[in-house]
Structures are given as C-alpha cells and as structure tokens.
Amino acid sequence: MIDKLKKFWAPMTEEFTKKQIFVNIVGAMGFIPAEYLSRRVGGGFWLFALFLIIWWAVVVLIYLTYRYLKK
C-alpha cells in the first residue's frame, strides 16, 4: 500500500516541468469560481480562500490520478 502511495505522489516530487504549468494555470484560475461562490453564499474572505484551496486540491488530485493511471 505504501508503495502505491509513493507512486501516486511521485509526480509532485519531480522538478517543475512544462506539464505542471498547465496544472498550475488551471489551479490558479480557480479564483473565478471561488469568488463567485463566496459572493453567492454571502461569505467573506475566508470562505473564498476555502473554495480556492478546494479547487486547487481537486485539480492536483485529478492530475495525479491521471499520471498514476497513465503509468
């Protein structure tokens, strides 16, 4: 089980590559839906930050799952 987890997180330990630029751009564009949702719900800055972190986590986990299944 630990070997599978190491293999899953391995792309995050590599040097920064051009493939990761796309992941970071999509993750950074999460401020648009995060801001919309935080205004819609009526929250403040902390709700915006929470939505942004959730967005970034989902993008990174999708990327890692793709890389894991690709190998």
C-alpha atoms as a PDB file:
ATOM      1  CA  MET A   1       0.000   0.000   0.000  1.00  0.00           C
ATOM      2  CA  ILE A   2       2.807   2.416   0.849  1.00  0.00           C
ATOM      3  CA  ASP A   3       4.468   1.689  -2.498  1.00  0.00           C
ATOM      4  CA  LYS A   4       1.262   2.647  -4.309  1.00  0.00           C
ATOM      5  CA  LEU A   5       1.034   5.896  -2.351  1.00  0.00           C
ATOM      6  CA  LYS A   6       4.656   6.730  -3.133  1.00  0.00           C
ATOM      7  CA  LYS A   7       3.996   6.036  -6.817  1.00  0.00           C
ATOM      8  CA  PHE A   8       0.839   8.212  -6.686  1.00  0.00           C
ATOM      9  CA  TRP A   9       2.659  11.222  -5.163  1.00  0.00           C
ATOM     10  CA  ALA A  10       5.851  10.764  -7.230  1.00  0.00           C
ATOM     11  CA  PRO A  11       4.941  13.367  -9.913  1.00  0.00           C
ATOM     12  CA  MET A  12       4.842  16.045  -7.203  1.00  0.00           C
ATOM     13  CA  THR A  13       8.455  15.327  -6.242  1.00  0.00           C
ATOM     14  CA  GLU A  14       9.795  15.798  -9.772  1.00  0.00           C
ATOM     15  CA  GLU A  15      11.386  19.015 -10.914  1.00  0.00           C
ATOM     16  CA  PHE A  16       8.969  21.594 -12.289  1.00  0.00           C
ATOM     17  CA  THR A  17       8.136  20.672 -15.883  1.00  0.00           C
ATOM     18  CA  LYS A  18       6.050  22.143 -18.668  1.00  0.00           C
ATOM     19  CA  LYS A  19       3.322  19.597 -17.947  1.00  0.00           C
ATOM     20  CA  GLN A  20       2.905  21.042 -14.477  1.00  0.00           C
ATOM     21  CA  ILE A  21       2.500  24.574 -15.843  1.00  0.00           C
ATOM     22  CA  PHE A  22      -0.939  23.630 -17.178  1.00  0.00           C
ATOM     23  CA  VAL A  23      -1.964  22.227 -13.792  1.00  0.00           C
ATOM     24  CA  ASN A  24      -0.838  25.406 -12.039  1.00  0.00           C
ATOM     25  CA  ILE A  25      -2.648  27.663 -14.522  1.00  0.00           C
ATOM     26  CA  VAL A  26      -5.906  25.730 -14.145  1.00  0.00           C
ATOM     27  CA  GLY A  27      -5.458  25.727 -10.379  1.00  0.00           C
ATOM     28  CA  ALA A  28      -4.834  29.464 -10.344  1.00  0.00           C
ATOM     29  CA  MET A  29      -7.917  30.108 -12.457  1.00  0.00           C
ATOM     30  CA  GLY A  30      -9.925  28.691  -9.569  1.00  0.00           C
ATOM     31  CA  PHE A  31     -10.211  32.182  -8.144  1.00  0.00           C
ATOM     32  CA  ILE A  32     -13.046  32.855 -10.612  1.00  0.00           C
ATOM     33  CA  PRO A  33     -15.451  30.146  -9.380  1.00  0.00           C
ATOM     34  CA  ALA A  34     -14.215  30.608  -5.802  1.00  0.00           C
ATOM     35  CA  GLU A  35     -15.039  34.296  -5.856  1.00  0.00           C
ATOM     36  CA  TYR A  36     -18.408  33.672  -7.483  1.00  0.00           C
ATOM     37  CA  LEU A  37     -19.342  31.008  -4.937  1.00  0.00           C
ATOM     38  CA  SER A  38     -18.190  33.046  -1.951  1.00  0.00           C
ATOM     39  CA  ARG A  39     -20.269  36.034  -3.097  1.00  0.00           C
ATOM     40  CA  ARG A  40     -23.260  33.811  -3.852  1.00  0.00           C
ATOM     41  CA  VAL A  41     -23.158  32.183  -0.431  1.00  0.00           C
ATOM     42  CA  GLY A  42     -22.539  35.526   1.273  1.00  0.00           C
ATOM     43  CA  GLY A  43     -19.262  34.641   2.895  1.00  0.00           C
ATOM     44  CA  GLY A  44     -16.160  36.720   3.199  1.00  0.00           C
ATOM     45  CA  PHE A  45     -12.504  36.260   2.507  1.00  0.00           C
ATOM     46  CA  TRP A  46     -12.150  33.005   4.469  1.00  0.00           C
ATOM     47  CA  LEU A  47     -14.885  31.295   2.507  1.00  0.00           C
ATOM     48  CA  PHE A  48     -13.229  32.476  -0.704  1.00  0.00           C
ATOM     49  CA  ALA A  49      -9.895  31.035   0.494  1.00  0.00           C
ATOM     50  CA  LEU A  50     -11.566  27.746   1.391  1.00  0.00           C
ATOM     51  CA  PHE A  51     -13.170  27.422  -2.049  1.00  0.00           C
ATOM     52  CA  LEU A  52      -9.858  28.266  -3.722  1.00  0.00           C
ATOM     53  CA  ILE A  53      -7.996  25.606  -1.733  1.00  0.00           C
ATOM     54  CA  ILE A  54     -10.669  23.030  -2.523  1.00  0.00           C
ATOM     55  CA  TRP A  55     -10.481  23.900  -6.237  1.00  0.00           C
ATOM     56  CA  TRP A  56      -6.678  23.603  -6.272  1.00  0.00           C
ATOM     57  CA  ALA A  57      -6.801  20.283  -4.393  1.00  0.00           C
ATOM     58  CA  VAL A  58      -9.299  18.824  -6.868  1.00  0.00           C
ATOM     59  CA  VAL A  59      -7.172  19.920  -9.841  1.00  0.00           C
ATOM     60  CA  VAL A  60      -3.992  18.445  -8.349  1.00  0.00           C
ATOM     61  CA  LEU A  61      -5.706  15.180  -7.406  1.00  0.00           C
ATOM     62  CA  ILE A  62      -7.124  14.808 -10.914  1.00  0.00           C
ATOM     63  CA  TYR A  63      -3.651  15.434 -12.353  1.00  0.00           C
ATOM     64  CA  LEU A  64      -2.050  12.912 -10.006  1.00  0.00           C
ATOM     65  CA  THR A  65      -4.717  10.313 -10.755  1.00  0.00           C
ATOM     66  CA  TYR A  66      -4.176  10.813 -14.477  1.00  0.00           C
ATOM     67  CA  ARG A  67      -0.402  10.394 -14.115  1.00  0.00           C
ATOM     68  CA  TYR A  68      -0.838   7.347 -11.854  1.00  0.00           C
ATOM     69  CA  LEU A  69      -3.193   5.578 -14.255  1.00  0.00           C
ATOM     70  CA  LYS A  70      -1.068   6.529 -17.252  1.00  0.00           C
ATOM     71  CA  LYS A  71       1.943   4.588 -15.916  1.00  0.00           C
END
